[in-house]
Amino acid sequence: MNHSIRTIAAAGLCATAVVGLAGCSAAGGPDPLSGMDLPTAPEDWFSGTEEITVGGHSVNVSCSGVPVPGEPVIVLLHGGGDDLTTMADLQETLSADARVCSYDRLGAGASDGPDGPQDFEDIGETLTGVLDEVALGGPVVLAGHSMGGLIAARYAPDHQDRVHGLVLLDATSPTAVADLEDRIPESATGPAGELRAQTLAIFAGENPERLVFTDGEVRSAGDIPVRVIQHGQQYLAEVPEYGPGLEEDWTAGQQAWLAVSSDSEASTAENSGHYIHVDEPEVAVEAIEQVAAQAAD
């Protein structure tokens, strides 16, 4: 969803209320990087920001850190309405000991816009192209915030050959559309009614990436390590009348994501709002480093 901080009408509600609502062994064989000579030429393992071409579109990519044989590349996925700059501090910290990359999805940041409405398959095709470039076909750990977490969790089951771990930072619920429609009735007025209308419009594709959200069951990505971290500061509770219910739905959505792997763990970032990697970066760093270490075993 739109993750920028703004006000919803005169109620003074933070748009993170809208934001949160929107936002088998994987290996199957030998580790692709284990025992191989890593390329050292700058054109193979670039650092800094570059424009790459994926499906005829220019995609803005940032990478830092040195790849380690046998260890996955960490790829960060920003939330909807954001771009890779929101992950910059997290990337810098993690890249002290690993290769870490992030990118602007089509319609975000400095990347080209999409040709039309996108579904999760379209978003996944762009992600595959980025992984081909930044990980050279090797294993990755995906760490996604909000909508980025939703995308990562939808992508992993179909790409168990390359996704060896997931970290979901306050990821958008797998049933976000139905949750909102059921929780806030169409007859609602005032801030809650406005929130409902704005959020459902975003779900329908009125967002910079033109992604049309569709609910679905959580599919398994096998036994890859997964960490699901949700916010502890109950910002959704600020929505008049329906806030507590929205928080209940949010927690249920986080619990649902645990089904993406038989090796999933859930936790709460007690001092964080929606942007866990900003409010409590040490929580995000620890989770990502743990998953990456486990994925390298």
C-alpha atoms as a PDB file:
ATOM      1  CA  MET A   1       0.000   0.000   0.000  1.00  0.00           C
ATOM      2  CA  ASN A   2       0.923   3.645   0.085  1.00  0.00           C
ATOM      3  CA  HIS A   3       3.442   3.830   2.901  1.00  0.00           C
ATOM      4  CA  SER A   4       4.206   7.522   2.952  1.00  0.00           C
ATOM      5  CA  ILE A   5       3.413   9.363   6.167  1.00  0.00           C
ATOM      6  CA  ARG A   6       0.482  11.675   5.573  1.00  0.00           C
ATOM      7  CA  THR A   7      -2.817  12.644   7.195  1.00  0.00           C
ATOM      8  CA  ILE A   8      -6.154  11.129   6.396  1.00  0.00           C
ATOM      9  CA  ALA A   9      -8.644  13.980   6.219  1.00  0.00           C
ATOM     10  CA  ALA A  10      -9.204  16.137   9.274  1.00  0.00           C
ATOM     11  CA  ALA A  11      -9.096  13.195  11.638  1.00  0.00           C
ATOM     12  CA  GLY A  12      -5.323  13.435  11.748  1.00  0.00           C
ATOM     13  CA  LEU A  13      -4.917   9.698  11.318  1.00  0.00           C
ATOM     14  CA  CYS A  14      -1.480   8.688  10.045  1.00  0.00           C
ATOM     15  CA  ALA A  15      -1.500   7.012   6.635  1.00  0.00           C
ATOM     16  CA  THR A  16       0.384   4.158   8.164  1.00  0.00           C
ATOM     17  CA  ALA A  17      -3.119   2.963   9.070  1.00  0.00           C
ATOM     18  CA  VAL A  18      -3.732   2.607   5.348  1.00  0.00           C
ATOM     19  CA  VAL A  19      -0.208   1.358   4.816  1.00  0.00           C
ATOM     20  CA  GLY A  20      -0.326  -1.529   7.178  1.00  0.00           C
ATOM     21  CA  LEU A  21      -3.563  -2.797   5.686  1.00  0.00           C
ATOM     22  CA  ALA A  22      -2.090  -2.864   2.212  1.00  0.00           C
ATOM     23  CA  GLY A  23       1.427  -3.903   3.334  1.00  0.00           C
ATOM     24  CA  CYS A  24      10.370 -28.856   1.116  1.00  0.00           C
ATOM     25  CA  SER A  25      14.016 -27.923   1.197  1.00  0.00           C
ATOM     26  CA  ALA A  26      14.666 -24.899  -0.919  1.00  0.00           C
ATOM     27  CA  ALA A  27      17.995 -26.282  -1.979  1.00  0.00           C
ATOM     28  CA  GLY A  28      16.926 -29.460  -3.695  1.00  0.00           C
ATOM     29  CA  GLY A  29      20.603 -30.007  -4.510  1.00  0.00           C
ATOM     30  CA  PRO A  30      24.026 -28.486  -3.888  1.00  0.00           C
ATOM     31  CA  ASP A  31      24.373 -24.847  -2.918  1.00  0.00           C
ATOM     32  CA  PRO A  32      24.923 -22.947  -6.220  1.00  0.00           C
ATOM     33  CA  LEU A  33      27.755 -20.906  -4.666  1.00  0.00           C
ATOM     34  CA  SER A  34      29.366 -23.627  -2.579  1.00  0.00           C
ATOM     35  CA  GLY A  35      32.848 -24.478  -3.751  1.00  0.00           C
ATOM     36  CA  MET A  36      32.749 -22.237  -6.811  1.00  0.00           C
ATOM     37  CA  ASP A  37      35.040 -19.368  -7.619  1.00  0.00           C
ATOM     38  CA  LEU A  38      33.128 -16.156  -7.186  1.00  0.00           C
ATOM     39  CA  PRO A  39      33.521 -13.681 -10.051  1.00  0.00           C
ATOM     40  CA  THR A  40      35.554 -10.672  -9.021  1.00  0.00           C
ATOM     41  CA  ALA A  41      35.195  -8.415 -12.046  1.00  0.00           C
ATOM     42  CA  PRO A  42      33.283  -5.208 -11.236  1.00  0.00           C
ATOM     43  CA  GLU A  43      30.834  -5.871 -14.047  1.00  0.00           C
ATOM     44  CA  ASP A  44      29.854  -9.152 -12.358  1.00  0.00           C
ATOM     45  CA  TRP A  45      29.549  -7.987  -8.738  1.00  0.00           C
ATOM     46  CA  PHE A  46      28.838  -4.286  -8.983  1.00  0.00           C
ATOM     47  CA  SER A  47      28.603  -1.936  -6.022  1.00  0.00           C
ATOM     48  CA  GLY A  48      26.601   1.246  -5.886  1.00  0.00           C
ATOM     49  CA  THR A  49      23.507   2.103  -7.894  1.00  0.00           C
ATOM     50  CA  GLU A  50      22.964   0.954 -11.464  1.00  0.00           C
ATOM     51  CA  GLU A  51      20.169   0.813 -13.990  1.00  0.00           C
ATOM     52  CA  ILE A  52      19.539  -2.683 -15.349  1.00  0.00           C
ATOM     53  CA  THR A  53      17.075  -3.795 -17.998  1.00  0.00           C
ATOM     54  CA  VAL A  54      14.388  -6.304 -17.076  1.00  0.00           C
ATOM     55  CA  GLY A  55      11.661  -7.171 -19.561  1.00  0.00           C
ATOM     56  CA  GLY A  56      12.414  -4.067 -21.583  1.00  0.00           C
ATOM     57  CA  HIS A  57      12.147  -1.764 -18.566  1.00  0.00           C
ATOM     58  CA  SER A  58      14.837   0.146 -16.710  1.00  0.00           C
ATOM     59  CA  VAL A  59      15.082  -0.968 -13.078  1.00  0.00           C
ATOM     60  CA  ASN A  60      17.049   0.970 -10.477  1.00  0.00           C
ATOM     61  CA  VAL A  61      19.202  -1.369  -8.357  1.00  0.00           C
ATOM     62  CA  SER A  62      21.548  -0.725  -5.426  1.00  0.00           C
ATOM     63  CA  CYS A  63      24.112  -3.256  -4.150  1.00  0.00           C
ATOM     64  CA  SER A  64      26.796  -3.145  -1.489  1.00  0.00           C
ATOM     65  CA  GLY A  65      29.032  -5.541   0.386  1.00  0.00           C
ATOM     66  CA  VAL A  66      31.185  -8.437  -0.740  1.00  0.00           C
ATOM     67  CA  PRO A  67      29.670 -11.834  -1.594  1.00  0.00           C
ATOM     68  CA  VAL A  68      30.799 -14.742   0.564  1.00  0.00           C
ATOM     69  CA  PRO A  69      31.096 -18.251  -0.927  1.00  0.00           C
ATOM     70  CA  GLY A  70      28.275 -20.477   0.266  1.00  0.00           C
ATOM     71  CA  GLU A  71      26.266 -17.619   1.752  1.00  0.00           C
ATOM     72  CA  PRO A  72      23.093 -16.134   0.233  1.00  0.00           C
ATOM     73  CA  VAL A  73      22.783 -12.652  -1.177  1.00  0.00           C
ATOM     74  CA  ILE A  74      20.333 -10.583   0.870  1.00  0.00           C
ATOM     75  CA  VAL A  75      17.728  -8.716  -1.172  1.00  0.00           C
ATOM     76  CA  LEU A  76      15.573  -6.043   0.465  1.00  0.00           C
ATOM     77  CA  LEU A  77      12.053  -5.262  -0.807  1.00  0.00           C
ATOM     78  CA  HIS A  78      10.600  -1.872   0.088  1.00  0.00           C
ATOM     79  CA  GLY A  79       6.972  -1.220   0.922  1.00  0.00           C
ATOM     80  CA  GLY A  80       4.401   0.193  -1.483  1.00  0.00           C
ATOM     81  CA  GLY A  81       4.607   3.940  -1.987  1.00  0.00           C
ATOM     82  CA  ASP A  82       8.280   3.812  -0.943  1.00  0.00           C
ATOM     83  CA  ASP A  83      11.497   3.180  -2.843  1.00  0.00           C
ATOM     84  CA  LEU A  84      14.870   1.622  -2.102  1.00  0.00           C
ATOM     85  CA  THR A  85      16.050   4.688  -0.168  1.00  0.00           C
ATOM     86  CA  THR A  86      13.852   3.618   2.765  1.00  0.00           C
ATOM     87  CA  MET A  87      16.023   0.490   3.050  1.00  0.00           C
ATOM     88  CA  ALA A  88      19.367   2.324   2.662  1.00  0.00           C
ATOM     89  CA  ASP A  89      20.402   2.369   6.327  1.00  0.00           C
ATOM     90  CA  LEU A  90      19.439  -1.271   6.778  1.00  0.00           C
ATOM     91  CA  GLN A  91      21.387  -2.190   3.652  1.00  0.00           C
ATOM     92  CA  GLU A  92      24.472  -0.314   4.822  1.00  0.00           C
ATOM     93  CA  THR A  93      24.476  -2.086   8.185  1.00  0.00           C
ATOM     94  CA  LEU A  94      23.960  -5.557   6.736  1.00  0.00           C
ATOM     95  CA  SER A  95      26.550  -5.107   3.979  1.00  0.00           C
ATOM     96  CA  ALA A  96      29.391  -5.020   6.503  1.00  0.00           C
ATOM     97  CA  ASP A  97      29.329  -8.832   6.423  1.00  0.00           C
ATOM     98  CA  ALA A  98      27.317  -9.787   3.338  1.00  0.00           C
ATOM     99  CA  ARG A  99      26.306  -8.777  -0.149  1.00  0.00           C
ATOM    100  CA  VAL A 100      23.045  -6.863   0.097  1.00  0.00           C
ATOM    101  CA  CYS A 101      20.932  -5.403  -2.690  1.00  0.00           C
ATOM    102  CA  SER A 102      17.685  -3.501  -3.038  1.00  0.00           C
ATOM    103  CA  TYR A 103      15.736  -2.203  -6.014  1.00  0.00           C
ATOM    104  CA  ASP A 104      12.888   0.055  -7.058  1.00  0.00           C
ATOM    105  CA  ARG A 105       9.991  -1.959  -8.403  1.00  0.00           C
ATOM    106  CA  LEU A 106       8.352  -0.729 -11.599  1.00  0.00           C
ATOM    107  CA  GLY A 107       6.471   2.459 -10.789  1.00  0.00           C
ATOM    108  CA  ALA A 108       8.632   3.177  -7.732  1.00  0.00           C
ATOM    109  CA  GLY A 109      11.649   5.420  -7.268  1.00  0.00           C
ATOM    110  CA  ALA A 110      13.913   5.750 -10.296  1.00  0.00           C
ATOM    111  CA  SER A 111      12.619   2.678 -12.155  1.00  0.00           C
ATOM    112  CA  ASP A 112      10.376   2.823 -15.191  1.00  0.00           C
ATOM    113  CA  GLY A 113       6.645   2.693 -14.739  1.00  0.00           C
ATOM    114  CA  PRO A 114       4.734  -0.481 -15.618  1.00  0.00           C
ATOM    115  CA  ASP A 115       2.977  -0.759 -18.975  1.00  0.00           C
ATOM    116  CA  GLY A 116      -0.358  -1.335 -17.279  1.00  0.00           C
ATOM    117  CA  PRO A 117      -1.933  -2.975 -14.236  1.00  0.00           C
ATOM    118  CA  GLN A 118       0.263  -5.590 -12.582  1.00  0.00           C
ATOM    119  CA  ASP A 119      -0.496  -8.772 -10.684  1.00  0.00           C
ATOM    120  CA  PHE A 120       1.814 -10.746  -8.406  1.00  0.00           C
ATOM    121  CA  GLU A 121       3.122 -12.755 -11.357  1.00  0.00           C
ATOM    122  CA  ASP A 122       4.187  -9.565 -13.130  1.00  0.00           C
ATOM    123  CA  ILE A 123       5.906  -8.287  -9.997  1.00  0.00           C
ATOM    124  CA  GLY A 124       7.604 -11.672  -9.635  1.00  0.00           C
ATOM    125  CA  GLU A 125       8.974 -11.580 -13.170  1.00  0.00           C
ATOM    126  CA  THR A 126      10.721  -8.295 -12.418  1.00  0.00           C
ATOM    127  CA  LEU A 127      12.069  -9.708  -9.166  1.00  0.00           C
ATOM    128  CA  THR A 128      13.438 -12.747 -11.015  1.00  0.00           C
ATOM    129  CA  GLY A 129      15.254 -10.474 -13.456  1.00  0.00           C
ATOM    130  CA  VAL A 130      16.771  -8.517 -10.587  1.00  0.00           C
ATOM    131  CA  LEU A 131      17.902 -11.692  -8.800  1.00  0.00           C
ATOM    132  CA  ASP A 132      19.509 -12.963 -12.006  1.00  0.00           C
ATOM    133  CA  GLU A 133      21.582  -9.793 -12.067  1.00  0.00           C
ATOM    134  CA  VAL A 134      22.485  -9.292  -8.407  1.00  0.00           C
ATOM    135  CA  ALA A 135      22.841 -12.920  -7.276  1.00  0.00           C
ATOM    136  CA  LEU A 136      23.967 -14.486 -10.573  1.00  0.00           C
ATOM    137  CA  GLY A 137      21.625 -17.425 -10.083  1.00  0.00           C
ATOM    138  CA  GLY A 138      22.811 -18.124  -6.538  1.00  0.00           C
ATOM    139  CA  PRO A 139      20.713 -18.394  -3.360  1.00  0.00           C
ATOM    140  CA  VAL A 140      19.056 -15.361  -1.792  1.00  0.00           C
ATOM    141  CA  VAL A 141      17.311 -14.320   1.387  1.00  0.00           C
ATOM    142  CA  LEU A 142      14.403 -11.954   0.775  1.00  0.00           C
ATOM    143  CA  ALA A 143      13.592  -9.392   3.454  1.00  0.00           C
ATOM    144  CA  GLY A 144      10.429  -7.442   2.679  1.00  0.00           C
ATOM    145  CA  HIS A 145       8.613  -4.636   4.443  1.00  0.00           C
ATOM    146  CA  SER A 146       4.807  -4.368   4.246  1.00  0.00           C
ATOM    147  CA  MET A 147       3.830  -4.843   0.585  1.00  0.00           C
ATOM    148  CA  GLY A 148       7.403  -5.970  -0.044  1.00  0.00           C
ATOM    149  CA  GLY A 149       6.888  -8.731   2.508  1.00  0.00           C
ATOM    150  CA  LEU A 150       3.656  -9.777   0.806  1.00  0.00           C
ATOM    151  CA  ILE A 151       5.491  -9.974  -2.525  1.00  0.00           C
ATOM    152  CA  ALA A 152       8.381 -11.956  -1.027  1.00  0.00           C
ATOM    153  CA  ALA A 153       6.072 -14.489   0.604  1.00  0.00           C
ATOM    154  CA  ARG A 154       4.034 -14.926  -2.577  1.00  0.00           C
ATOM    155  CA  TYR A 155       7.224 -15.360  -4.637  1.00  0.00           C
ATOM    156  CA  ALA A 156       9.131 -17.859  -2.479  1.00  0.00           C
ATOM    157  CA  PRO A 157       6.930 -20.970  -2.938  1.00  0.00           C
ATOM    158  CA  ASP A 158       7.442 -20.918  -6.717  1.00  0.00           C
ATOM    159  CA  HIS A 159      11.187 -20.230  -6.461  1.00  0.00           C
ATOM    160  CA  GLN A 160      12.475 -22.589  -3.823  1.00  0.00           C
ATOM    161  CA  ASP A 161      15.571 -23.198  -5.945  1.00  0.00           C
ATOM    162  CA  ARG A 162      16.804 -19.689  -5.192  1.00  0.00           C
ATOM    163  CA  VAL A 163      14.899 -18.301  -2.172  1.00  0.00           C
ATOM    164  CA  HIS A 164      16.555 -19.890   0.863  1.00  0.00           C
ATOM    165  CA  GLY A 165      15.055 -17.671   3.566  1.00  0.00           C
ATOM    166  CA  LEU A 166      12.491 -14.959   4.292  1.00  0.00           C
ATOM    167  CA  VAL A 167      12.154 -12.088   6.750  1.00  0.00           C
ATOM    168  CA  LEU A 168       8.727 -10.438   6.741  1.00  0.00           C
ATOM    169  CA  LEU A 169       8.708  -7.017   8.387  1.00  0.00           C
ATOM    170  CA  ASP A 170       5.106  -6.147   9.204  1.00  0.00           C
ATOM    171  CA  ALA A 171       4.077  -7.747   5.934  1.00  0.00           C
ATOM    172  CA  THR A 172       0.691  -7.005   4.414  1.00  0.00           C
ATOM    173  CA  SER A 173      -1.816  -9.740   5.284  1.00  0.00           C
ATOM    174  CA  PRO A 174      -2.459 -12.512   2.735  1.00  0.00           C
ATOM    175  CA  THR A 175      -6.178 -11.745   3.148  1.00  0.00           C
ATOM    176  CA  ALA A 176      -5.916  -7.953   3.352  1.00  0.00           C
ATOM    177  CA  VAL A 177      -8.763  -7.177   0.949  1.00  0.00           C
ATOM    178  CA  ALA A 178     -11.326  -9.418   2.620  1.00  0.00           C
ATOM    179  CA  ASP A 179     -10.147  -8.384   6.082  1.00  0.00           C
ATOM    180  CA  LEU A 180     -10.876  -4.729   5.371  1.00  0.00           C
ATOM    181  CA  GLU A 181     -14.179  -5.334   3.595  1.00  0.00           C
ATOM    182  CA  ASP A 182     -15.383  -7.496   6.472  1.00  0.00           C
ATOM    183  CA  ARG A 183     -14.112  -5.269   9.264  1.00  0.00           C
ATOM    184  CA  ILE A 184     -15.324  -1.841   8.075  1.00  0.00           C
ATOM    185  CA  PRO A 185     -18.791  -1.979   6.481  1.00  0.00           C
ATOM    186  CA  GLU A 186     -19.526  -0.179   3.248  1.00  0.00           C
ATOM    187  CA  SER A 187     -21.979   1.985   5.167  1.00  0.00           C
ATOM    188  CA  ALA A 188     -19.237   3.377   7.436  1.00  0.00           C
ATOM    189  CA  THR A 189     -18.776   7.152   7.368  1.00  0.00           C
ATOM    190  CA  GLY A 190     -16.189   9.555   8.706  1.00  0.00           C
ATOM    191  CA  PRO A 191     -12.509   8.601   9.038  1.00  0.00           C
ATOM    192  CA  ALA A 192     -13.207   4.859   8.962  1.00  0.00           C
ATOM    193  CA  GLY A 193     -15.311   5.110   5.809  1.00  0.00           C
ATOM    194  CA  GLU A 194     -12.668   7.247   4.177  1.00  0.00           C
ATOM    195  CA  LEU A 195      -9.954   4.801   5.188  1.00  0.00           C
ATOM    196  CA  ARG A 196     -11.953   1.943   3.694  1.00  0.00           C
ATOM    197  CA  ALA A 197     -12.508   3.726   0.387  1.00  0.00           C
ATOM    198  CA  GLN A 198      -8.894   4.862   0.038  1.00  0.00           C
ATOM    199  CA  THR A 199      -7.452   1.491   0.923  1.00  0.00           C
ATOM    200  CA  LEU A 200      -9.727  -0.513  -1.361  1.00  0.00           C
ATOM    201  CA  ALA A 201      -8.843   1.849  -4.211  1.00  0.00           C
ATOM    202  CA  ILE A 202      -5.176   1.137  -3.570  1.00  0.00           C
ATOM    203  CA  PHE A 203      -5.894  -2.597  -3.507  1.00  0.00           C
ATOM    204  CA  ALA A 204      -7.673  -2.224  -6.863  1.00  0.00           C
ATOM    205  CA  GLY A 205      -4.525  -0.852  -8.484  1.00  0.00           C
ATOM    206  CA  GLU A 206      -4.628   2.870  -7.707  1.00  0.00           C
ATOM    207  CA  ASN A 207      -1.032   2.852  -6.484  1.00  0.00           C
ATOM    208  CA  PRO A 208       2.260   3.868  -8.136  1.00  0.00           C
ATOM    209  CA  GLU A 209       3.102   0.278  -9.095  1.00  0.00           C
ATOM    210  CA  ARG A 210      -0.438  -0.372 -10.395  1.00  0.00           C
ATOM    211  CA  LEU A 211      -0.428  -3.646  -8.485  1.00  0.00           C
ATOM    212  CA  VAL A 212      -3.869  -5.193  -8.128  1.00  0.00           C
ATOM    213  CA  PHE A 213      -4.005  -6.997  -4.782  1.00  0.00           C
ATOM    214  CA  THR A 214      -5.653 -10.406  -4.695  1.00  0.00           C
ATOM    215  CA  ASP A 215      -6.146 -12.459  -1.550  1.00  0.00           C
ATOM    216  CA  GLY A 216      -5.053 -16.062  -1.445  1.00  0.00           C
ATOM    217  CA  GLU A 217      -4.060 -18.948   0.763  1.00  0.00           C
ATOM    218  CA  VAL A 218      -0.520 -19.015   2.064  1.00  0.00           C
ATOM    219  CA  ARG A 219       1.450 -21.569   0.058  1.00  0.00           C
ATOM    220  CA  SER A 220       4.418 -23.449   1.452  1.00  0.00           C
ATOM    221  CA  ALA A 221       8.019 -22.760   0.469  1.00  0.00           C
ATOM    222  CA  GLY A 222       9.162 -25.901   2.262  1.00  0.00           C
ATOM    223  CA  ASP A 223      11.374 -25.684   5.313  1.00  0.00           C
ATOM    224  CA  ILE A 224      13.309 -22.509   4.626  1.00  0.00           C
ATOM    225  CA  PRO A 225      13.979 -20.304   7.690  1.00  0.00           C
ATOM    226  CA  VAL A 226      11.328 -17.586   8.025  1.00  0.00           C
ATOM    227  CA  ARG A 227      10.985 -14.784  10.566  1.00  0.00           C
ATOM    228  CA  VAL A 228       7.694 -12.893  10.794  1.00  0.00           C
ATOM    229  CA  ILE A 229       7.968  -9.662  12.784  1.00  0.00           C
ATOM    230  CA  GLN A 230       4.982  -7.421  13.485  1.00  0.00           C
ATOM    231  CA  HIS A 231       4.638  -3.953  14.945  1.00  0.00           C
ATOM    232  CA  GLY A 232       4.152  -3.493  18.681  1.00  0.00           C
ATOM    233  CA  GLN A 233       2.876   0.095  18.648  1.00  0.00           C
ATOM    234  CA  GLN A 234      -0.816  -0.287  17.853  1.00  0.00           C
ATOM    235  CA  TYR A 235      -1.259   2.492  15.324  1.00  0.00           C
ATOM    236  CA  LEU A 236      -4.246   0.839  13.652  1.00  0.00           C
ATOM    237  CA  ALA A 237      -6.123   1.115  16.947  1.00  0.00           C
ATOM    238  CA  GLU A 238      -6.369   4.879  16.324  1.00  0.00           C
ATOM    239  CA  VAL A 239      -9.078   4.312  13.721  1.00  0.00           C
ATOM    240  CA  PRO A 240     -12.341   5.251  15.460  1.00  0.00           C
ATOM    241  CA  GLU A 241     -14.640   2.351  16.352  1.00  0.00           C
ATOM    242  CA  TYR A 242     -12.893  -0.230  14.157  1.00  0.00           C
ATOM    243  CA  GLY A 243      -9.274   0.188  15.293  1.00  0.00           C
ATOM    244  CA  PRO A 244      -9.058  -2.701  17.775  1.00  0.00           C
ATOM    245  CA  GLY A 245     -10.581  -5.032  15.190  1.00  0.00           C
ATOM    246  CA  LEU A 246      -8.084  -3.916  12.565  1.00  0.00           C
ATOM    247  CA  GLU A 247      -5.269  -4.757  14.967  1.00  0.00           C
ATOM    248  CA  GLU A 248      -6.797  -8.199  15.546  1.00  0.00           C
ATOM    249  CA  ASP A 249      -6.964  -8.796  11.801  1.00  0.00           C
ATOM    250  CA  TRP A 250      -3.384  -7.620  11.420  1.00  0.00           C
ATOM    251  CA  THR A 251      -2.127 -10.062  14.039  1.00  0.00           C
ATOM    252  CA  ALA A 252      -4.096 -12.876  12.428  1.00  0.00           C
ATOM    253  CA  GLY A 253      -2.490 -12.040   9.099  1.00  0.00           C
ATOM    254  CA  GLN A 254       0.994 -12.231  10.591  1.00  0.00           C
ATOM    255  CA  GLN A 255       0.179 -15.602  12.104  1.00  0.00           C
ATOM    256  CA  ALA A 256      -1.119 -16.800   8.730  1.00  0.00           C
ATOM    257  CA  TRP A 257       2.253 -16.083   7.126  1.00  0.00           C
ATOM    258  CA  LEU A 258       3.858 -18.677   9.400  1.00  0.00           C
ATOM    259  CA  ALA A 259       2.408 -21.341   7.102  1.00  0.00           C
ATOM    260  CA  VAL A 260       4.867 -20.325   4.373  1.00  0.00           C
ATOM    261  CA  SER A 261       7.435 -22.645   5.965  1.00  0.00           C
ATOM    262  CA  SER A 262       7.697 -25.423   8.509  1.00  0.00           C
ATOM    263  CA  ASP A 263      10.568 -23.424  10.030  1.00  0.00           C
ATOM    264  CA  SER A 264       8.776 -20.145  10.769  1.00  0.00           C
ATOM    265  CA  GLU A 265       8.971 -18.001  13.888  1.00  0.00           C
ATOM    266  CA  ALA A 266       6.885 -14.975  14.854  1.00  0.00           C
ATOM    267  CA  SER A 267       7.845 -12.096  17.102  1.00  0.00           C
ATOM    268  CA  THR A 268       6.780  -8.552  17.934  1.00  0.00           C
ATOM    269  CA  ALA A 269       8.914  -5.420  17.710  1.00  0.00           C
ATOM    270  CA  GLU A 270       7.487  -3.868  20.853  1.00  0.00           C
ATOM    271  CA  ASN A 271       8.716  -0.310  20.234  1.00  0.00           C
ATOM    272  CA  SER A 272       7.961  -0.151  16.514  1.00  0.00           C
ATOM    273  CA  GLY A 273       5.206   1.195  14.374  1.00  0.00           C
ATOM    274  CA  HIS A 274       4.837  -0.034  10.814  1.00  0.00           C
ATOM    275  CA  TYR A 275       8.441   0.771   9.816  1.00  0.00           C
ATOM    276  CA  ILE A 276      10.229  -1.750  12.016  1.00  0.00           C
ATOM    277  CA  HIS A 277      13.537  -1.388  10.156  1.00  0.00           C
ATOM    278  CA  VAL A 278      13.474   2.340  10.931  1.00  0.00           C
ATOM    279  CA  ASP A 279      12.060   2.305  14.468  1.00  0.00           C
ATOM    280  CA  GLU A 280      14.066  -0.679  15.702  1.00  0.00           C
ATOM    281  CA  PRO A 281      16.733  -1.419  13.071  1.00  0.00           C
ATOM    282  CA  GLU A 282      18.561  -3.764  15.413  1.00  0.00           C
ATOM    283  CA  VAL A 283      15.515  -6.069  15.423  1.00  0.00           C
ATOM    284  CA  ALA A 284      15.474  -6.255  11.624  1.00  0.00           C
ATOM    285  CA  VAL A 285      19.236  -6.691  11.371  1.00  0.00           C
ATOM    286  CA  GLU A 286      19.312  -9.523  13.894  1.00  0.00           C
ATOM    287  CA  ALA A 287      16.485 -11.397  12.183  1.00  0.00           C
ATOM    288  CA  ILE A 288      17.988 -11.052   8.703  1.00  0.00           C
ATOM    289  CA  GLU A 289      21.454 -12.069   9.837  1.00  0.00           C
ATOM    290  CA  GLN A 290      20.052 -15.111  11.661  1.00  0.00           C
ATOM    291  CA  VAL A 291      18.056 -16.237   8.639  1.00  0.00           C
ATOM    292  CA  ALA A 292      21.021 -15.685   6.301  1.00  0.00           C
ATOM    293  CA  ALA A 293      23.301 -17.706   8.603  1.00  0.00           C
ATOM    294  CA  GLN A 294      20.767 -20.517   8.817  1.00  0.00           C
ATOM    295  CA  ALA A 295      20.243 -20.473   5.055  1.00  0.00           C
ATOM    296  CA  ALA A 296      23.998 -20.877   4.547  1.00  0.00           C
ATOM    297  CA  ASP A 297      24.151 -24.078   6.618  1.00  0.00           C
END
